[in-house]
Amino acid sequence: MMRRAAIGVLALAVSTATLVVGSPPTAVRAVGQVTEVCRFSDQRLTEISGITLSRRHPGVAWVHNDSSGGPFVYAIDLATCRTLARVRIAGAPARDIEAIAMGTGKNGNPIMWVADIGDNIDGWPYVWLYRFQEPRTLTDSTVRPRIFRVTYKDRSHNAETLLVDPHSTRMWIVTKQLAHGRIYELPRPLSRTRVNVARPIHTEGGMITDGAVNPDGTRYVLRDYVNATIFLGLPVGRQQSVVSLPFQPQGEAITWTADGRALLVASERDPRLLRVEVGP
């Protein structure tokens, strides 16, 4: 799409200017210790926009496409990038799915959150979150989610990032704007009958395309097209470091490895799944 091509050009143009997210960085590390994990060969995965680790299936991640990808998430073998299953989210409008994250239900079961929060016109009256238990078996299937409507306290926003605390029901959306975005905290518990209002709690950098909380809930990361900024704690956390990411045509997806010592990143129009070491 023309909008996305323009963003890619912008990302390339600002790469030498060290565009970062969050507060002013203490240090920016050069690209280093980057490993190509595997390459996606599934022709359905043309615009990977979000990624999260499975909680039920070791060595598996879930990914989704951008706005044209429909109401689907895909289970991926992290050793080979082979597609293990496609899951259809029944009843999901899937207007512009932009993020995916794992949480924990009241009974301890792993919960998958899929965020239909893209809004290129900054004008939708509300966006959607889809919640369902992570499938126990990796086979093509259909899930029937709980659907939640969300709006923002100030006005409509475009967003591509959902952060979920792995140990509680706390969740945040990070908006994506050219100059700067904001972290919005979602109410608890979410209502299925009324529109949930997210409130702003902190200003972040511009062009944030994804983020994730690490598996033990002690750090989170926000990425733009050039850098990944790591924070200690949960939002609003204290900035720990800024890591320069390897060049990708349109890098949007990011998550942590299971040990929390590296990041997995993917891009639209790029078949590579990359691992970026960040340390403890």
Protein backbone atom coordinates (compact mmCIF):
# COMPACT_ATOMS: atom_id res chain seq x y z
CA MET A 1 0.00 0.00 0.00
CA MET A 2 1.21 3.54 -0.72
CA ARG A 3 0.99 4.54 2.91
CA ARG A 4 3.26 1.69 3.93
CA ALA A 5 5.72 2.39 1.15
CA ALA A 6 5.93 6.00 2.30
CA ILE A 7 6.58 4.88 5.86
CA GLY A 8 9.36 2.60 4.67
CA VAL A 9 11.02 5.52 2.90
CA LEU A 10 10.66 7.61 6.04
CA ALA A 11 12.24 4.87 8.16
CA LEU A 12 15.21 4.67 5.80
CA ALA A 13 15.60 8.43 5.78
CA VAL A 14 15.70 8.71 9.56
CA SER A 15 17.89 5.69 10.18
CA THR A 16 21.05 7.81 10.22
CA ALA A 17 19.39 10.21 12.61
CA THR A 18 18.87 7.44 15.20
CA LEU A 19 15.12 7.64 15.67
CA VAL A 20 14.28 6.15 19.08
CA VAL A 21 11.19 5.52 21.15
CA GLY A 22 10.69 6.50 24.76
CA SER A 23 12.74 8.91 26.80
CA PRO A 24 16.22 10.10 25.71
CA PRO A 25 18.50 7.04 25.48
CA THR A 26 21.43 6.37 27.77
CA ALA A 27 23.22 4.52 24.96
CA VAL A 28 22.50 3.18 21.50
CA ARG A 29 24.19 -0.09 20.64
CA ALA A 30 25.20 -0.85 17.08
CA VAL A 31 23.61 -3.77 15.29
CA GLY A 32 25.45 -6.85 16.50
CA GLN A 33 24.89 -10.50 17.32
CA VAL A 34 22.06 -10.75 14.84
CA THR A 35 21.17 -14.28 13.75
CA GLU A 36 18.83 -15.38 11.00
CA VAL A 37 16.65 -17.99 12.71
CA CYS A 38 14.78 -19.24 9.64
CA ARG A 39 12.78 -18.05 6.62
CA PHE A 40 9.04 -18.07 6.13
CA SER A 41 7.93 -19.97 3.04
CA ASP A 42 4.14 -19.91 3.59
CA GLN A 43 2.82 -17.65 0.82
CA ARG A 44 -0.04 -16.58 3.10
CA LEU A 45 2.44 -14.81 5.40
CA THR A 46 3.17 -11.80 3.23
CA GLU A 47 2.70 -8.96 5.76
CA ILE A 48 3.73 -10.22 9.19
CA SER A 49 2.81 -7.45 11.60
CA GLY A 50 2.79 -9.12 15.02
CA ILE A 51 4.41 -12.05 16.83
CA THR A 52 4.18 -13.61 20.30
CA LEU A 53 5.57 -16.76 21.88
CA SER A 54 3.28 -19.69 22.59
CA ARG A 55 2.77 -20.52 26.26
CA ARG A 56 1.47 -24.05 25.63
CA HIS A 57 3.83 -25.19 22.91
CA PRO A 58 7.61 -24.76 23.42
CA GLY A 59 9.46 -23.63 20.32
CA VAL A 60 6.32 -22.18 18.73
CA ALA A 61 5.26 -18.60 18.05
CA TRP A 62 2.01 -17.08 16.81
CA VAL A 63 2.02 -14.48 14.03
CA HIS A 64 -0.55 -12.55 12.05
CA ASN A 65 -0.67 -10.49 8.89
CA ASP A 66 -1.54 -6.83 8.53
CA SER A 67 -4.90 -5.35 7.56
CA SER A 68 -5.43 -7.44 4.44
CA GLY A 69 -4.73 -10.74 6.22
CA GLY A 70 -8.21 -11.51 7.55
CA PRO A 71 -9.18 -12.86 11.00
CA PHE A 72 -6.37 -15.43 11.24
CA VAL A 73 -3.37 -16.22 13.42
CA TYR A 74 -0.70 -18.75 12.49
CA ALA A 75 1.36 -21.09 14.66
CA ILE A 76 4.99 -21.12 13.51
CA ASP A 77 7.79 -23.57 14.27
CA LEU A 78 10.63 -21.37 15.52
CA ALA A 79 13.28 -23.77 14.28
CA THR A 80 12.11 -23.86 10.65
CA CYS A 81 9.50 -21.05 10.26
CA ARG A 82 7.11 -23.77 9.02
CA THR A 83 3.41 -23.07 9.53
CA LEU A 84 1.96 -25.59 11.98
CA ALA A 85 -1.64 -24.35 12.14
CA ARG A 86 -3.95 -21.57 11.04
CA VAL A 87 -6.65 -20.44 13.48
CA ARG A 88 -9.66 -18.43 12.33
CA ILE A 89 -11.12 -15.92 14.80
CA ALA A 90 -14.88 -16.27 14.29
CA GLY A 91 -16.92 -13.07 14.37
CA ALA A 92 -13.88 -10.80 14.29
CA PRO A 93 -14.35 -7.77 12.03
CA ALA A 94 -10.57 -7.83 11.40
CA ARG A 95 -10.57 -4.27 10.14
CA ASP A 96 -6.85 -3.77 10.80
CA ILE A 97 -5.24 -6.33 13.12
CA GLU A 98 -1.90 -4.94 14.29
CA ALA A 99 -0.78 -6.73 17.47
CA ILE A 100 -0.86 -10.03 19.33
CA ALA A 101 0.15 -10.90 22.90
CA MET A 102 -0.14 -13.69 25.46
CA GLY A 103 -1.70 -13.33 28.88
CA THR A 104 -2.99 -15.55 31.68
CA GLY A 105 -6.60 -16.34 32.54
CA LYS A 106 -8.05 -16.58 36.04
CA ASN A 107 -7.58 -20.35 35.98
CA GLY A 108 -3.97 -20.04 34.88
CA ASN A 109 -4.61 -21.04 31.27
CA PRO A 110 -2.70 -19.08 28.61
CA ILE A 111 -4.85 -16.45 26.95
CA MET A 112 -4.23 -14.99 23.52
CA TRP A 113 -5.08 -11.37 22.83
CA VAL A 114 -5.37 -10.16 19.23
CA ALA A 115 -5.60 -6.39 18.81
CA ASP A 116 -7.63 -4.97 15.92
CA ILE A 117 -6.36 -1.47 16.72
CA GLY A 118 -5.08 -0.04 13.44
CA ASP A 119 -6.76 3.24 12.50
CA ASN A 120 -5.00 4.96 9.61
CA ILE A 121 -7.54 7.79 9.57
CA ASP A 122 -7.42 8.41 13.34
CA GLY A 123 -11.19 8.47 13.21
CA TRP A 124 -12.83 5.18 14.20
CA PRO A 125 -15.18 5.54 17.19
CA TYR A 126 -13.72 2.36 18.68
CA VAL A 127 -11.37 -0.55 17.96
CA TRP A 128 -11.53 -4.20 19.04
CA LEU A 129 -9.64 -6.66 21.22
CA TYR A 130 -10.23 -10.41 20.76
CA ARG A 131 -9.57 -12.77 23.67
CA PHE A 132 -9.47 -16.58 23.55
CA GLN A 133 -7.61 -19.47 25.13
CA GLU A 134 -4.51 -20.53 23.29
CA PRO A 135 -5.38 -23.71 21.36
CA ARG A 136 -4.26 -26.95 23.01
CA THR A 137 -3.55 -28.64 19.69
CA LEU A 138 -1.73 -27.22 16.68
CA THR A 139 -4.26 -27.96 13.95
CA ASP A 140 -6.27 -25.71 11.65
CA SER A 141 -9.29 -24.66 13.67
CA THR A 142 -11.77 -21.91 14.54
CA VAL A 143 -12.07 -20.12 17.87
CA ARG A 144 -14.95 -18.02 19.16
CA PRO A 145 -13.43 -15.11 21.09
CA ARG A 146 -14.72 -12.69 23.62
CA ILE A 147 -14.81 -9.34 21.82
CA PHE A 148 -14.16 -6.04 23.58
CA ARG A 149 -14.62 -2.54 22.16
CA VAL A 150 -12.04 0.07 23.14
CA THR A 151 -11.75 3.82 22.66
CA TYR A 152 -9.37 6.46 24.01
CA LYS A 153 -10.08 9.11 26.61
CA ASP A 154 -8.96 11.98 24.40
CA ARG A 155 -9.61 11.08 20.73
CA SER A 156 -9.22 8.32 18.14
CA HIS A 157 -5.69 7.03 17.44
CA ASN A 158 -3.81 4.68 15.20
CA ALA A 159 -1.97 1.96 17.16
CA GLU A 160 0.10 -1.14 16.46
CA THR A 161 1.22 -2.20 19.95
CA LEU A 162 -0.47 -4.17 22.73
CA LEU A 163 1.41 -4.86 25.98
CA VAL A 164 0.08 -7.54 28.34
CA ASP A 165 1.33 -8.34 31.85
CA PRO A 166 1.89 -12.13 31.89
CA HIS A 167 0.94 -12.31 35.58
CA SER A 168 -2.16 -10.12 35.81
CA THR A 169 -4.97 -8.58 33.77
CA ARG A 170 -3.11 -5.29 33.21
CA MET A 171 -2.83 -4.24 29.55
CA TRP A 172 -1.69 -1.21 27.61
CA ILE A 173 -2.02 0.08 24.05
CA VAL A 174 0.78 2.23 22.63
CA THR A 175 -0.34 4.57 19.87
CA LYS A 176 1.61 5.23 16.68
CA GLN A 177 2.03 8.81 15.50
CA LEU A 178 4.74 10.59 13.53
CA ALA A 179 5.99 12.93 16.25
CA HIS A 180 5.16 10.86 19.33
CA GLY A 181 2.77 8.25 20.60
CA ARG A 182 1.37 7.54 24.06
CA ILE A 183 0.88 4.61 26.38
CA TYR A 184 -2.78 4.09 27.25
CA GLU A 185 -3.76 1.86 30.16
CA LEU A 186 -6.86 -0.27 29.68
CA PRO A 187 -9.48 -0.50 32.43
CA ARG A 188 -9.85 -3.61 34.57
CA PRO A 189 -11.93 -5.63 34.14
CA LEU A 190 -12.81 -5.05 30.50
CA SER A 191 -16.53 -4.82 29.76
CA ARG A 192 -18.14 -6.81 26.96
CA THR A 193 -21.30 -4.67 26.97
CA ARG A 194 -19.96 -1.13 26.83
CA VAL A 195 -17.04 0.62 25.14
CA ASN A 196 -13.93 0.50 27.32
CA VAL A 197 -12.06 3.80 27.71
CA ALA A 198 -8.25 3.65 27.75
CA ARG A 199 -6.53 6.50 29.59
CA PRO A 200 -3.16 8.04 28.66
CA ILE A 201 -0.38 7.58 31.21
CA HIS A 202 2.84 8.47 29.37
CA THR A 203 4.19 10.02 26.17
CA GLU A 204 6.47 7.86 24.02
CA GLY A 205 8.43 8.35 20.81
CA GLY A 206 7.03 8.37 17.30
CA MET A 207 6.31 5.57 14.84
CA ILE A 208 6.09 2.75 17.39
CA THR A 209 5.24 -0.39 15.43
CA ASP A 210 5.15 -3.11 18.10
CA GLY A 211 6.16 -4.06 21.61
CA ALA A 212 6.13 -6.92 24.08
CA VAL A 213 6.53 -7.73 27.76
CA ASN A 214 9.20 -10.34 28.50
CA PRO A 215 8.12 -13.78 29.80
CA ASP A 216 8.71 -13.04 33.48
CA GLY A 217 7.15 -9.57 33.37
CA THR A 218 10.29 -7.70 34.45
CA ARG A 219 11.00 -5.82 31.20
CA TYR A 220 9.22 -4.65 28.08
CA VAL A 221 10.34 -3.47 24.68
CA LEU A 222 8.96 -0.95 22.20
CA ARG A 223 10.22 -0.84 18.62
CA ASP A 224 10.07 1.57 15.72
CA TYR A 225 11.43 0.95 12.22
CA VAL A 226 15.03 1.45 13.35
CA ASN A 227 15.53 0.80 17.08
CA ALA A 228 14.19 -1.22 19.99
CA THR A 229 14.01 0.46 23.40
CA ILE A 230 14.03 -1.77 26.47
CA PHE A 231 12.46 -0.70 29.76
CA LEU A 232 12.74 -2.15 33.26
CA GLY A 233 9.48 -3.05 34.98
CA LEU A 234 6.02 -2.61 33.50
CA PRO A 235 4.61 0.60 32.00
CA VAL A 236 5.63 3.17 32.81
CA GLY A 237 9.09 1.60 33.18
CA ARG A 238 12.61 2.98 33.42
CA GLN A 239 14.59 2.95 30.18
CA GLN A 240 17.40 0.41 30.26
CA SER A 241 18.90 0.49 26.76
CA VAL A 242 18.32 1.20 23.09
CA VAL A 243 19.28 -1.43 20.53
CA SER A 244 19.71 -0.66 16.84
CA LEU A 245 17.75 -3.22 14.83
CA PRO A 246 18.92 -4.79 11.56
CA PHE A 247 17.53 -3.14 8.44
CA GLN A 248 14.18 -4.54 7.28
CA PRO A 249 11.86 -3.20 4.56
CA GLN A 250 9.09 -2.56 7.09
CA GLY A 251 9.95 -3.98 10.48
CA GLU A 252 6.89 -4.20 12.66
CA ALA A 253 6.80 -7.45 14.68
CA ILE A 254 8.81 -8.02 17.86
CA THR A 255 8.75 -10.38 20.83
CA TRP A 256 11.13 -11.87 23.40
CA THR A 257 12.79 -15.25 23.34
CA ALA A 258 11.71 -17.69 26.05
CA ASP A 259 14.82 -16.96 28.15
CA GLY A 260 14.30 -13.20 27.89
CA ARG A 261 17.84 -12.56 26.63
CA ALA A 262 17.08 -11.80 22.98
CA LEU A 263 14.42 -10.36 20.70
CA LEU A 264 12.75 -11.98 17.69
CA VAL A 265 11.90 -9.52 14.91
CA ALA A 266 10.06 -9.87 11.62
CA SER A 267 9.04 -7.54 8.82
CA GLU A 268 6.56 -7.18 6.03
CA ARG A 269 8.06 -8.05 2.63
CA ASP A 270 10.96 -9.93 4.25
CA PRO A 271 10.91 -13.73 4.76
CA ARG A 272 13.51 -13.69 7.54
CA LEU A 273 12.88 -14.22 11.22
CA LEU A 274 15.82 -12.56 13.02
CA ARG A 275 17.16 -12.95 16.54
CA VAL A 276 18.79 -9.92 18.17
CA GLU A 277 20.80 -10.51 21.37
CA VAL A 278 20.13 -7.98 24.16
CA GLY A 279 21.38 -9.75 27.27
CA PRO A 280 19.93 -9.68 30.81
